[in-house]
PDB file of all heavy atoms in Angstrom:
ATOM      1  N   LEU A   1     -18.146   4.956 -10.070  1.00  0.00           N
ATOM      2  CA  LEU A   1     -17.668   4.560 -11.392  1.00  0.00           C
ATOM      3  C   LEU A   1     -17.129   5.763 -12.148  1.00  0.00           C
ATOM      4  O   LEU A   1     -16.153   5.654 -12.889  1.00  0.00           O
ATOM      5  CB  LEU A   1     -18.792   3.880 -12.183  1.00  0.00           C
ATOM      6  CG  LEU A   1     -19.317   2.557 -11.601  1.00  0.00           C
ATOM      7  CD1 LEU A   1     -20.441   2.009 -12.465  1.00  0.00           C
ATOM      8  CD2 LEU A   1     -18.193   1.545 -11.472  1.00  0.00           C
ATOM      9  N   PHE A   2     -17.775   6.927 -11.957  1.00  0.00           N
ATOM     10  CA  PHE A   2     -17.276   8.169 -12.564  1.00  0.00           C
ATOM     11  C   PHE A   2     -15.886   8.490 -12.040  1.00  0.00           C
ATOM     12  O   PHE A   2     -14.998   8.903 -12.788  1.00  0.00           O
ATOM     13  CB  PHE A   2     -18.240   9.323 -12.245  1.00  0.00           C
ATOM     14  CG  PHE A   2     -17.682  10.686 -12.564  1.00  0.00           C
ATOM     15  CD1 PHE A   2     -17.648  11.165 -13.864  1.00  0.00           C
ATOM     16  CD2 PHE A   2     -17.171  11.490 -11.556  1.00  0.00           C
ATOM     17  CE1 PHE A   2     -17.122  12.411 -14.166  1.00  0.00           C
ATOM     18  CE2 PHE A   2     -16.651  12.748 -11.840  1.00  0.00           C
ATOM     19  CZ  PHE A   2     -16.627  13.214 -13.150  1.00  0.00           C
ATOM     20  N   TYR A   3     -15.676   8.281 -10.745  1.00  0.00           N
ATOM     21  CA  TYR A   3     -14.358   8.507 -10.159  1.00  0.00           C
ATOM     22  C   TYR A   3     -13.334   7.586 -10.772  1.00  0.00           C
ATOM     23  O   TYR A   3     -12.217   8.004 -11.115  1.00  0.00           O
ATOM     24  CB  TYR A   3     -14.422   8.283  -8.644  1.00  0.00           C
ATOM     25  CG  TYR A   3     -13.055   8.260  -8.001  1.00  0.00           C
ATOM     26  CD1 TYR A   3     -12.363   9.431  -7.725  1.00  0.00           C
ATOM     27  CD2 TYR A   3     -12.446   7.046  -7.713  1.00  0.00           C
ATOM     28  CE1 TYR A   3     -11.101   9.401  -7.155  1.00  0.00           C
ATOM     29  CE2 TYR A   3     -11.176   6.995  -7.150  1.00  0.00           C
ATOM     30  CZ  TYR A   3     -10.506   8.180  -6.864  1.00  0.00           C
ATOM     31  OH  TYR A   3      -9.252   8.143  -6.324  1.00  0.00           O
ATOM     32  N   ILE A   4     -13.676   6.312 -10.930  1.00  0.00           N
ATOM     33  CA  ILE A   4     -12.737   5.344 -11.473  1.00  0.00           C
ATOM     34  C   ILE A   4     -12.363   5.680 -12.919  1.00  0.00           C
ATOM     35  O   ILE A   4     -11.199   5.579 -13.314  1.00  0.00           O
ATOM     36  CB  ILE A   4     -13.329   3.914 -11.398  1.00  0.00           C
ATOM     37  CG1 ILE A   4     -13.493   3.504  -9.939  1.00  0.00           C
ATOM     38  CG2 ILE A   4     -12.445   2.909 -12.127  1.00  0.00           C
ATOM     39  CD1 ILE A   4     -14.275   2.215  -9.744  1.00  0.00           C
ATOM     40  N   ILE A   5     -13.337   6.088 -13.704  1.00  0.00           N
ATOM     41  CA  ILE A   5     -13.088   6.323 -15.124  1.00  0.00           C
ATOM     42  C   ILE A   5     -12.393   7.651 -15.384  1.00  0.00           C
ATOM     43  O   ILE A   5     -11.494   7.743 -16.216  1.00  0.00           O
ATOM     44  CB  ILE A   5     -14.425   6.281 -15.911  1.00  0.00           C
ATOM     45  CG1 ILE A   5     -14.979   4.855 -15.917  1.00  0.00           C
ATOM     46  CG2 ILE A   5     -14.230   6.750 -17.341  1.00  0.00           C
ATOM     47  CD1 ILE A   5     -16.355   4.738 -16.547  1.00  0.00           C
ATOM     48  N   LEU A   6     -12.749   8.699 -14.638  1.00  0.00           N
ATOM     49  CA  LEU A   6     -12.261  10.028 -14.960  1.00  0.00           C
ATOM     50  C   LEU A   6     -11.375  10.639 -13.869  1.00  0.00           C
ATOM     51  O   LEU A   6     -10.214  10.951 -14.121  1.00  0.00           O
ATOM     52  CB  LEU A   6     -13.442  10.960 -15.234  1.00  0.00           C
ATOM     53  CG  LEU A   6     -13.083  12.367 -15.714  1.00  0.00           C
ATOM     54  CD1 LEU A   6     -12.313  12.313 -17.032  1.00  0.00           C
ATOM     55  CD2 LEU A   6     -14.352  13.202 -15.896  1.00  0.00           C
ATOM     56  N   LEU A   7     -11.909  10.789 -12.681  1.00  0.00           N
ATOM     57  CA  LEU A   7     -11.166  11.509 -11.634  1.00  0.00           C
ATOM     58  C   LEU A   7      -9.958  10.724 -11.155  1.00  0.00           C
ATOM     59  O   LEU A   7      -8.877  11.313 -10.932  1.00  0.00           O
ATOM     60  CB  LEU A   7     -12.111  11.823 -10.457  1.00  0.00           C
ATOM     61  CG  LEU A   7     -11.583  12.842  -9.445  1.00  0.00           C
ATOM     62  CD1 LEU A   7     -11.193  14.145 -10.134  1.00  0.00           C
ATOM     63  CD2 LEU A   7     -12.642  13.091  -8.368  1.00  0.00           C
ATOM     64  N   GLY A   8     -10.097   9.425 -11.025  1.00  0.00           N
ATOM     65  CA  GLY A   8      -8.979   8.576 -10.608  1.00  0.00           C
ATOM     66  C   GLY A   8      -7.787   8.718 -11.531  1.00  0.00           C
ATOM     67  O   GLY A   8      -6.657   8.971 -11.065  1.00  0.00           O
ATOM     68  N   PRO A   9      -7.973   8.545 -12.859  1.00  0.00           N
ATOM     69  CA  PRO A   9      -6.853   8.725 -13.775  1.00  0.00           C
ATOM     70  C   PRO A   9      -6.207  10.110 -13.711  1.00  0.00           C
ATOM     71  O   PRO A   9      -4.981  10.221 -13.818  1.00  0.00           O
ATOM     72  CB  PRO A   9      -7.506   8.490 -15.140  1.00  0.00           C
ATOM     73  CG  PRO A   9      -8.626   7.567 -14.866  1.00  0.00           C
ATOM     74  CD  PRO A   9      -9.152   7.962 -13.530  1.00  0.00           C
ATOM     75  N   ILE A  10      -6.997  11.162 -13.521  1.00  0.00           N
ATOM     76  CA  ILE A  10      -6.434  12.504 -13.429  1.00  0.00           C
ATOM     77  C   ILE A  10      -5.494  12.618 -12.244  1.00  0.00           C
ATOM     78  O   ILE A  10      -4.356  13.090 -12.367  1.00  0.00           O
ATOM     79  CB  ILE A  10      -7.550  13.571 -13.328  1.00  0.00           C
ATOM     80  CG1 ILE A  10      -8.347  13.644 -14.642  1.00  0.00           C
ATOM     81  CG2 ILE A  10      -6.960  14.950 -13.001  1.00  0.00           C
ATOM     82  CD1 ILE A  10      -9.566  14.549 -14.570  1.00  0.00           C
ATOM     83  N   ILE A  11      -5.949  12.137 -11.082  1.00  0.00           N
ATOM     84  CA  ILE A  11      -5.120  12.197  -9.866  1.00  0.00           C
ATOM     85  C   ILE A  11      -3.880  11.337 -10.030  1.00  0.00           C
ATOM     86  O   ILE A  11      -2.762  11.744  -9.680  1.00  0.00           O
ATOM     87  CB  ILE A  11      -5.943  11.763  -8.650  1.00  0.00           C
ATOM     88  CG1 ILE A  11      -7.040  12.801  -8.352  1.00  0.00           C
ATOM     89  CG2 ILE A  11      -5.051  11.573  -7.418  1.00  0.00           C
ATOM     90  CD1 ILE A  11      -7.995  12.392  -7.253  1.00  0.00           C
ATOM     91  N   GLU A  12      -4.042  10.123 -10.542  1.00  0.00           N
ATOM     92  CA  GLU A  12      -2.910   9.204 -10.673  1.00  0.00           C
ATOM     93  C   GLU A  12      -1.901   9.675 -11.702  1.00  0.00           C
ATOM     94  O   GLU A  12      -0.683   9.512 -11.512  1.00  0.00           O
ATOM     95  CB  GLU A  12      -3.425   7.803 -11.007  1.00  0.00           C
ATOM     96  CG  GLU A  12      -4.157   7.143  -9.855  1.00  0.00           C
ATOM     97  CD  GLU A  12      -4.800   5.821 -10.228  1.00  0.00           C
ATOM     98  OE1 GLU A  12      -4.741   5.451 -11.430  1.00  0.00           O
ATOM     99  OE2 GLU A  12      -5.380   5.161  -9.347  1.00  0.00           O
ATOM    100  N   GLU A  13      -2.367  10.253 -12.789  1.00  0.00           N
ATOM    101  CA  GLU A  13      -1.436  10.760 -13.804  1.00  0.00           C
ATOM    102  C   GLU A  13      -0.635  11.947 -13.265  1.00  0.00           C
ATOM    103  O   GLU A  13       0.561  12.070 -13.524  1.00  0.00           O
ATOM    104  CB  GLU A  13      -2.186  11.164 -15.073  1.00  0.00           C
ATOM    105  CG  GLU A  13      -2.704   9.986 -15.876  1.00  0.00           C
ATOM    106  CD  GLU A  13      -1.603   9.014 -16.259  1.00  0.00           C
ATOM    107  OE1 GLU A  13      -0.612   9.444 -16.883  1.00  0.00           O
ATOM    108  OE2 GLU A  13      -1.736   7.822 -15.912  1.00  0.00           O
ATOM    109  N   ILE A  14      -1.286  12.819 -12.500  1.00  0.00           N
ATOM    110  CA  ILE A  14      -0.571  13.945 -11.891  1.00  0.00           C
ATOM    111  C   ILE A  14       0.471  13.420 -10.903  1.00  0.00           C
ATOM    112  O   ILE A  14       1.609  13.920 -10.851  1.00  0.00           O
ATOM    113  CB  ILE A  14      -1.553  14.909 -11.197  1.00  0.00           C
ATOM    114  CG1 ILE A  14      -2.432  15.615 -12.238  1.00  0.00           C
ATOM    115  CG2 ILE A  14      -0.800  15.932 -10.349  1.00  0.00           C
ATOM    116  CD1 ILE A  14      -3.518  16.484 -11.640  1.00  0.00           C
ATOM    117  N   ALA A  15       0.109  12.415 -10.127  1.00  0.00           N
ATOM    118  CA  ALA A  15       0.997  11.892  -9.097  1.00  0.00           C
ATOM    119  C   ALA A  15       2.173  11.113  -9.667  1.00  0.00           C
ATOM    120  O   ALA A  15       3.327  11.295  -9.230  1.00  0.00           O
ATOM    121  CB  ALA A  15       0.206  10.994  -8.136  1.00  0.00           C
ATOM    122  N   PHE A  16       1.924  10.272 -10.669  1.00  0.00           N
ATOM    123  CA  PHE A  16       2.943   9.321 -11.099  1.00  0.00           C
ATOM    124  C   PHE A  16       3.526   9.568 -12.494  1.00  0.00           C
ATOM    125  O   PHE A  16       4.569   9.011 -12.819  1.00  0.00           O
ATOM    126  CB  PHE A  16       2.374   7.903 -11.029  1.00  0.00           C
ATOM    127  CG  PHE A  16       1.970   7.496  -9.655  1.00  0.00           C
ATOM    128  CD1 PHE A  16       0.636   7.456  -9.297  1.00  0.00           C
ATOM    129  CD2 PHE A  16       2.917   7.162  -8.708  1.00  0.00           C
ATOM    130  CE1 PHE A  16       0.245   7.091  -8.018  1.00  0.00           C
ATOM    131  CE2 PHE A  16       2.553   6.795  -7.412  1.00  0.00           C
ATOM    132  CZ  PHE A  16       1.201   6.775  -7.065  1.00  0.00           C
ATOM    133  N   ARG A  17       2.886  10.355 -13.315  1.00  0.00           N
ATOM    134  CA  ARG A  17       3.431  10.597 -14.659  1.00  0.00           C
ATOM    135  C   ARG A  17       3.904  12.033 -14.853  1.00  0.00           C
ATOM    136  O   ARG A  17       4.852  12.280 -15.584  1.00  0.00           O
ATOM    137  CB  ARG A  17       2.397  10.246 -15.725  1.00  0.00           C
ATOM    138  CG  ARG A  17       2.806   9.067 -16.616  1.00  0.00           C
ATOM    139  CD  ARG A  17       2.757   7.749 -15.922  1.00  0.00           C
ATOM    140  NE  ARG A  17       1.391   7.390 -15.564  1.00  0.00           N
ATOM    141  CZ  ARG A  17       1.084   6.309 -14.867  1.00  0.00           C
ATOM    142  NH1 ARG A  17       2.031   5.497 -14.426  1.00  0.00           N
ATOM    143  NH2 ARG A  17      -0.183   6.023 -14.563  1.00  0.00           N
ATOM    144  N   LEU A  18       3.278  12.978 -14.207  1.00  0.00           N
ATOM    145  CA  LEU A  18       3.721  14.362 -14.341  1.00  0.00           C
ATOM    146  C   LEU A  18       5.186  14.537 -13.960  1.00  0.00           C
ATOM    147  O   LEU A  18       5.938  15.219 -14.676  1.00  0.00           O
ATOM    148  CB  LEU A  18       2.835  15.295 -13.491  1.00  0.00           C
ATOM    149  CG  LEU A  18       3.109  16.802 -13.637  1.00  0.00           C
ATOM    150  CD1 LEU A  18       2.772  17.280 -15.036  1.00  0.00           C
ATOM    151  CD2 LEU A  18       2.315  17.592 -12.593  1.00  0.00           C
ATOM    152  N   PRO A  19       5.675  13.913 -12.869  1.00  0.00           N
ATOM    153  CA  PRO A  19       7.073  14.114 -12.475  1.00  0.00           C
ATOM    154  C   PRO A  19       8.108  13.481 -13.395  1.00  0.00           C
ATOM    155  O   PRO A  19       9.313  13.698 -13.206  1.00  0.00           O
ATOM    156  CB  PRO A  19       7.148  13.456 -11.075  1.00  0.00           C
ATOM    157  CG  PRO A  19       5.745  13.289 -10.639  1.00  0.00           C
ATOM    158  CD  PRO A  19       4.940  13.109 -11.892  1.00  0.00           C
ATOM    159  N   LEU A  20       7.667  12.707 -14.391  1.00  0.00           N
ATOM    160  CA  LEU A  20       8.628  12.036 -15.257  1.00  0.00           C
ATOM    161  C   LEU A  20       9.413  13.021 -16.107  1.00  0.00           C
ATOM    162  O   LEU A  20      10.479  12.689 -16.639  1.00  0.00           O
ATOM    163  CB  LEU A  20       7.920  10.998 -16.139  1.00  0.00           C
ATOM    164  CG  LEU A  20       7.183   9.874 -15.385  1.00  0.00           C
ATOM    165  CD1 LEU A  20       6.719   8.801 -16.340  1.00  0.00           C
ATOM    166  CD2 LEU A  20       8.033   9.285 -14.278  1.00  0.00           C
ATOM    167  N   LYS A  21       8.853  14.221 -16.288  1.00  0.00           N
ATOM    168  CA  LYS A  21       9.624  15.338 -16.836  1.00  0.00           C
ATOM    169  C   LYS A  21      10.022  16.143 -15.599  1.00  0.00           C
ATOM    170  O   LYS A  21       9.254  16.991 -15.132  1.00  0.00           O
ATOM    171  CB  LYS A  21       8.778  16.182 -17.778  1.00  0.00           C
ATOM    172  CG  LYS A  21       8.348  15.457 -19.046  1.00  0.00           C
ATOM    173  CD  LYS A  21       9.376  15.608 -20.139  1.00  0.00           C
ATOM    174  CE  LYS A  21       8.810  15.090 -21.477  1.00  0.00           C
ATOM    175  NZ  LYS A  21       9.758  15.214 -22.581  1.00  0.00           N
ATOM    176  N   PRO A  22      11.191  15.856 -15.020  1.00  0.00           N
ATOM    177  CA  PRO A  22      11.488  16.333 -13.664  1.00  0.00           C
ATOM    178  C   PRO A  22      11.864  17.803 -13.547  1.00  0.00           C
ATOM    179  O   PRO A  22      12.995  18.166 -13.221  1.00  0.00           O
ATOM    180  CB  PRO A  22      12.666  15.437 -13.248  1.00  0.00           C
ATOM    181  CG  PRO A  22      13.345  15.086 -14.522  1.00  0.00           C
ATOM    182  CD  PRO A  22      12.251  15.010 -15.566  1.00  0.00           C
ATOM    183  N   THR A  23      10.898  18.673 -13.792  1.00  0.00           N
ATOM    184  CA  THR A  23      11.098  20.087 -13.510  1.00  0.00           C
ATOM    185  C   THR A  23      10.721  20.336 -12.048  1.00  0.00           C
ATOM    186  O   THR A  23      10.065  19.502 -11.413  1.00  0.00           O
ATOM    187  CB  THR A  23      10.218  20.978 -14.412  1.00  0.00           C
ATOM    188  OG1 THR A  23       8.835  20.720 -14.092  1.00  0.00           O
ATOM    189  CG2 THR A  23      10.452  20.669 -15.874  1.00  0.00           C
ATOM    190  N   ARG A  24      11.087  21.467 -11.543  1.00  0.00           N
ATOM    191  CA  ARG A  24      10.814  21.803 -10.135  1.00  0.00           C
ATOM    192  C   ARG A  24       9.317  21.752  -9.840  1.00  0.00           C
ATOM    193  O   ARG A  24       8.889  21.171  -8.843  1.00  0.00           O
ATOM    194  CB  ARG A  24      11.366  23.193  -9.839  1.00  0.00           C
ATOM    195  CG  ARG A  24      11.239  23.634  -8.392  1.00  0.00           C
ATOM    196  CD  ARG A  24      11.796  25.049  -8.252  1.00  0.00           C
ATOM    197  NE  ARG A  24      11.681  25.522  -6.892  1.00  0.00           N
ATOM    198  CZ  ARG A  24      11.961  26.771  -6.518  1.00  0.00           C
ATOM    199  NH1 ARG A  24      12.385  27.655  -7.426  1.00  0.00           N
ATOM    200  NH2 ARG A  24      11.841  27.150  -5.253  1.00  0.00           N
ATOM    201  N   LEU A  25       8.493  22.322 -10.729  1.00  0.00           N
ATOM    202  CA  LEU A  25       7.049  22.355 -10.520  1.00  0.00           C
ATOM    203  C   LEU A  25       6.450  20.961 -10.629  1.00  0.00           C
ATOM    204  O   LEU A  25       5.619  20.549  -9.797  1.00  0.00           O
ATOM    205  CB  LEU A  25       6.399  23.286 -11.536  1.00  0.00           C
ATOM    206  CG  LEU A  25       4.877  23.444 -11.426  1.00  0.00           C
ATOM    207  CD1 LEU A  25       4.493  24.006 -10.061  1.00  0.00           C
ATOM    208  CD2 LEU A  25       4.329  24.332 -12.547  1.00  0.00           C
ATOM    209  N   ASN A  26       6.840  20.208 -11.668  1.00  0.00           N
ATOM    210  CA  ASN A  26       6.308  18.862 -11.846  1.00  0.00           C
ATOM    211  C   ASN A  26       6.629  17.963 -10.662  1.00  0.00           C
ATOM    212  O   ASN A  26       5.790  17.192 -10.185  1.00  0.00           O
ATOM    213  CB  ASN A  26       6.864  18.230 -13.123  1.00  0.00           C
ATOM    214  CG  ASN A  26       6.293  18.845 -14.373  1.00  0.00           C
ATOM    215  OD1 ASN A  26       5.356  19.646 -14.318  1.00  0.00           O
ATOM    216  ND2 ASN A  26       6.853  18.507 -15.529  1.00  0.00           N
ATOM    217  N   LEU A  27       7.852  18.050 -10.173  1.00  0.00           N
ATOM    218  CA  LEU A  27       8.263  17.233  -9.032  1.00  0.00           C
ATOM    219  C   LEU A  27       7.497  17.628  -7.772  1.00  0.00           C
ATOM    220  O   LEU A  27       7.043  16.761  -7.011  1.00  0.00           O
ATOM    221  CB  LEU A  27       9.774  17.383  -8.791  1.00  0.00           C
ATOM    222  CG  LEU A  27      10.688  16.730  -9.828  1.00  0.00           C
ATOM    223  CD1 LEU A  27      12.123  17.207  -9.635  1.00  0.00           C
ATOM    224  CD2 LEU A  27      10.610  15.215  -9.724  1.00  0.00           C
ATOM    225  N   ALA A  28       7.332  18.908  -7.546  1.00  0.00           N
ATOM    226  CA  ALA A  28       6.639  19.391  -6.339  1.00  0.00           C
ATOM    227  C   ALA A  28       5.196  18.899  -6.326  1.00  0.00           C
ATOM    228  O   ALA A  28       4.702  18.400  -5.304  1.00  0.00           O
ATOM    229  CB  ALA A  28       6.691  20.910  -6.280  1.00  0.00           C
ATOM    230  N   ILE A  29       4.512  19.026  -7.450  1.00  0.00           N
ATOM    231  CA  ILE A  29       3.119  18.597  -7.525  1.00  0.00           C
ATOM    232  C   ILE A  29       3.004  17.087  -7.392  1.00  0.00           C
ATOM    233  O   ILE A  29       2.153  16.564  -6.655  1.00  0.00           O
ATOM    234  CB  ILE A  29       2.467  19.072  -8.846  1.00  0.00           C
ATOM    235  CG1 ILE A  29       2.408  20.600  -8.882  1.00  0.00           C
ATOM    236  CG2 ILE A  29       1.076  18.471  -9.000  1.00  0.00           C
ATOM    237  CD1 ILE A  29       1.913  21.171 -10.207  1.00  0.00           C
ATOM    238  N   GLY A  30       3.867  16.362  -8.091  1.00  0.00           N
ATOM    239  CA  GLY A  30       3.847  14.900  -8.028  1.00  0.00           C
ATOM    240  C   GLY A  30       4.109  14.395  -6.627  1.00  0.00           C
ATOM    241  O   GLY A  30       3.427  13.472  -6.140  1.00  0.00           O
ATOM    242  N   ILE A  31       5.084  14.974  -5.941  1.00  0.00           N
ATOM    243  CA  ILE A  31       5.421  14.566  -4.564  1.00  0.00           C
ATOM    244  C   ILE A  31       4.227  14.781  -3.645  1.00  0.00           C
ATOM    245  O   ILE A  31       3.868  13.911  -2.842  1.00  0.00           O
ATOM    246  CB  ILE A  31       6.648  15.335  -4.048  1.00  0.00           C
ATOM    247  CG1 ILE A  31       7.918  14.859  -4.776  1.00  0.00           C
ATOM    248  CG2 ILE A  31       6.808  15.156  -2.531  1.00  0.00           C
ATOM    249  CD1 ILE A  31       9.133  15.725  -4.508  1.00  0.00           C
ATOM    250  N   SER A  32       3.607  15.945  -3.721  1.00  0.00           N
ATOM    251  CA  SER A  32       2.480  16.259  -2.823  1.00  0.00           C
ATOM    252  C   SER A  32       1.293  15.336  -3.077  1.00  0.00           C
ATOM    253  O   SER A  32       0.638  14.867  -2.132  1.00  0.00           O
ATOM    254  CB  SER A  32       2.060  17.727  -2.986  1.00  0.00           C
ATOM    255  OG  SER A  32       1.529  17.971  -4.278  1.00  0.00           O
ATOM    256  N   PHE A  33       1.018  15.049  -4.348  1.00  0.00           N
ATOM    257  CA  PHE A  33      -0.092  14.137  -4.661  1.00  0.00           C
ATOM    258  C   PHE A  33       0.194  12.732  -4.147  1.00  0.00           C
ATOM    259  O   PHE A  33      -0.697  12.070  -3.595  1.00  0.00           O
ATOM    260  CB  PHE A  33      -0.332  14.111  -6.182  1.00  0.00           C
ATOM    261  CG  PHE A  33      -1.312  15.133  -6.660  1.00  0.00           C
ATOM    262  CD1 PHE A  33      -1.064  16.490  -6.487  1.00  0.00           C
ATOM    263  CD2 PHE A  33      -2.484  14.777  -7.293  1.00  0.00           C
ATOM    264  CE1 PHE A  33      -1.967  17.447  -6.926  1.00  0.00           C
ATOM    265  CE2 PHE A  33      -3.401  15.712  -7.733  1.00  0.00           C
ATOM    266  CZ  PHE A  33      -3.143  17.065  -7.551  1.00  0.00           C
ATOM    267  N   GLN A  34       1.444  12.268  -4.291  1.00  0.00           N
ATOM    268  CA  GLN A  34       1.781  10.948  -3.808  1.00  0.00           C
ATOM    269  C   GLN A  34       1.712  10.871  -2.294  1.00  0.00           C
ATOM    270  O   GLN A  34       1.247   9.862  -1.732  1.00  0.00           O
ATOM    271  CB  GLN A  34       3.181  10.550  -4.281  1.00  0.00           C
ATOM    272  CG  GLN A  34       3.244  10.223  -5.757  1.00  0.00           C
ATOM    273  CD  GLN A  34       4.545   9.554  -6.160  1.00  0.00           C
ATOM    274  OE1 GLN A  34       5.149   8.821  -5.378  1.00  0.00           O
ATOM    275  NE2 GLN A  34       4.990   9.793  -7.375  1.00  0.00           N
ATOM    276  N   ILE A  35       2.145  11.912  -1.595  1.00  0.00           N
ATOM    277  CA  ILE A  35       2.080  11.913  -0.143  1.00  0.00           C
ATOM    278  C   ILE A  35       0.654  11.721   0.347  1.00  0.00           C
ATOM    279  O   ILE A  35       0.380  10.893   1.218  1.00  0.00           O
ATOM    280  CB  ILE A  35       2.657  13.241   0.417  1.00  0.00           C
ATOM    281  CG1 ILE A  35       4.177  13.271   0.258  1.00  0.00           C
ATOM    282  CG2 ILE A  35       2.275  13.423   1.906  1.00  0.00           C
ATOM    283  CD1 ILE A  35       4.807  14.588   0.634  1.00  0.00           C
ATOM    284  N   VAL A  36      -0.289  12.469  -0.221  1.00  0.00           N
ATOM    285  CA  VAL A  36      -1.684  12.363   0.186  1.00  0.00           C
ATOM    286  C   VAL A  36      -2.259  10.996  -0.173  1.00  0.00           C
ATOM    287  O   VAL A  36      -3.018  10.402   0.599  1.00  0.00           O
ATOM    288  CB  VAL A  36      -2.534  13.485  -0.439  1.00  0.00           C
ATOM    289  CG1 VAL A  36      -4.000  13.300  -0.115  1.00  0.00           C
ATOM    290  CG2 VAL A  36      -2.058  14.845   0.047  1.00  0.00           C
ATOM    291  N   ILE A  37      -1.882  10.464  -1.338  1.00  0.00           N
ATOM    292  CA  ILE A  37      -2.351   9.134  -1.743  1.00  0.00           C
ATOM    293  C   ILE A  37      -1.901   8.084  -0.728  1.00  0.00           C
ATOM    294  O   ILE A  37      -2.688   7.242  -0.284  1.00  0.00           O
ATOM    295  CB  ILE A  37      -1.842   8.772  -3.157  1.00  0.00           C
ATOM    296  CG1 ILE A  37      -2.601   9.590  -4.210  1.00  0.00           C
ATOM    297  CG2 ILE A  37      -2.014   7.279  -3.445  1.00  0.00           C
ATOM    298  CD1 ILE A  37      -2.044   9.444  -5.607  1.00  0.00           C
ATOM    299  N   PHE A  38      -0.612   8.134  -0.343  1.00  0.00           N
ATOM    300  CA  PHE A  38      -0.090   7.139   0.600  1.00  0.00           C
ATOM    301  C   PHE A  38      -0.654   7.327   2.009  1.00  0.00           C
ATOM    302  O   PHE A  38      -0.923   6.353   2.710  1.00  0.00           O
ATOM    303  CB  PHE A  38       1.437   7.194   0.628  1.00  0.00           C
ATOM    304  CG  PHE A  38       2.078   6.683  -0.644  1.00  0.00           C
ATOM    305  CD1 PHE A  38       3.027   7.438  -1.317  1.00  0.00           C
ATOM    306  CD2 PHE A  38       1.719   5.463  -1.175  1.00  0.00           C
ATOM    307  CE1 PHE A  38       3.608   6.974  -2.490  1.00  0.00           C
ATOM    308  CE2 PHE A  38       2.288   4.988  -2.356  1.00  0.00           C
ATOM    309  CZ  PHE A  38       3.232   5.747  -3.005  1.00  0.00           C
ATOM    310  N   LEU A  39      -0.855   8.571   2.420  1.00  0.00           N
ATOM    311  CA  LEU A  39      -1.484   8.834   3.724  1.00  0.00           C
ATOM    312  C   LEU A  39      -2.895   8.254   3.762  1.00  0.00           C
ATOM    313  O   LEU A  39      -3.350   7.729   4.775  1.00  0.00           O
ATOM    314  CB  LEU A  39      -1.528  10.333   4.012  1.00  0.00           C
ATOM    315  CG  LEU A  39      -0.190  11.008   4.346  1.00  0.00           C
ATOM    316  CD1 LEU A  39      -0.374  12.517   4.504  1.00  0.00           C
ATOM    317  CD2 LEU A  39       0.419  10.416   5.607  1.00  0.00           C
ATOM    318  N   ASN A  40      -3.583   8.359   2.636  1.00  0.00           N
ATOM    319  CA  ASN A  40      -4.939   7.819   2.545  1.00  0.00           C
ATOM    320  C   ASN A  40      -4.928   6.297   2.551  1.00  0.00           C
ATOM    321  O   ASN A  40      -5.757   5.659   3.207  1.00  0.00           O
ATOM    322  CB  ASN A  40      -5.611   8.329   1.261  1.00  0.00           C
ATOM    323  CG  ASN A  40      -7.048   7.866   1.137  1.00  0.00           C
ATOM    324  OD1 ASN A  40      -7.915   8.259   1.910  1.00  0.00           O
ATOM    325  ND2 ASN A  40      -7.308   7.014   0.162  1.00  0.00           N
ATOM    326  N   ILE A  41      -3.966   5.693   1.828  1.00  0.00           N
ATOM    327  CA  ILE A  41      -3.874   4.237   1.780  1.00  0.00           C
ATOM    328  C   ILE A  41      -3.639   3.649   3.169  1.00  0.00           C
ATOM    329  O   ILE A  41      -4.238   2.638   3.553  1.00  0.00           O
ATOM    330  CB  ILE A  41      -2.738   3.810   0.819  1.00  0.00           C
ATOM    331  CG1 ILE A  41      -3.162   4.039  -0.634  1.00  0.00           C
ATOM    332  CG2 ILE A  41      -2.362   2.342   1.019  1.00  0.00           C
ATOM    333  CD1 ILE A  41      -2.076   3.799  -1.644  1.00  0.00           C
ATOM    334  N   PHE A  42      -2.757   4.299   3.932  1.00  0.00           N
ATOM    335  CA  PHE A  42      -2.446   3.806   5.276  1.00  0.00           C
ATOM    336  C   PHE A  42      -3.416   4.329   6.331  1.00  0.00           C
ATOM    337  O   PHE A  42      -3.183   4.165   7.528  1.00  0.00           O
ATOM    338  CB  PHE A  42      -1.000   4.181   5.652  1.00  0.00           C
ATOM    339  CG  PHE A  42       0.033   3.457   4.854  1.00  0.00           C
ATOM    340  CD1 PHE A  42       0.779   4.108   3.873  1.00  0.00           C
ATOM    341  CD2 PHE A  42       0.247   2.098   5.044  1.00  0.00           C
ATOM    342  CE1 PHE A  42       1.738   3.426   3.133  1.00  0.00           C
ATOM    343  CE2 PHE A  42       1.191   1.407   4.300  1.00  0.00           C
ATOM    344  CZ  PHE A  42       1.933   2.073   3.344  1.00  0.00           C
ATOM    345  N   GLU A  43      -4.497   4.954   5.854  1.00  0.00           N
ATOM    346  CA  GLU A  43      -5.586   5.434   6.716  1.00  0.00           C
ATOM    347  C   GLU A  43      -5.112   6.399   7.791  1.00  0.00           C
ATOM    348  O   GLU A  43      -5.647   6.450   8.888  1.00  0.00           O
ATOM    349  CB  GLU A  43      -6.312   4.235   7.341  1.00  0.00           C
ATOM    350  CG  GLU A  43      -6.947   3.326   6.298  1.00  0.00           C
ATOM    351  CD  GLU A  43      -7.719   2.177   6.935  1.00  0.00           C
ATOM    352  OE1 GLU A  43      -7.542   1.950   8.148  1.00  0.00           O
ATOM    353  OE2 GLU A  43      -8.487   1.520   6.222  1.00  0.00           O
ATOM    354  N   ILE A  44      -4.101   7.196   7.466  1.00  0.00           N
ATOM    355  CA  ILE A  44      -3.622   8.225   8.366  1.00  0.00           C
ATOM    356  C   ILE A  44      -4.529   9.457   8.262  1.00  0.00           C
ATOM    357  O   ILE A  44      -4.694  10.195   9.233  1.00  0.00           O
ATOM    358  CB  ILE A  44      -2.161   8.587   8.055  1.00  0.00           C
ATOM    359  CG1 ILE A  44      -1.261   7.359   8.287  1.00  0.00           C
ATOM    360  CG2 ILE A  44      -1.668   9.765   8.904  1.00  0.00           C
ATOM    361  CD1 ILE A  44       0.170   7.559   7.875  1.00  0.00           C
TER     362      ILE A  44
END
């Protein structure tokens, strides 16, 4: 429940909202976070 309330939002905001200001750093971090999220979803 702690993960859902706190850690989950931190990871998801970095992955999906940080890149909305598309600087080189924001895009790089957002892309890497999304890659790991999708690899985890597909159980790779």
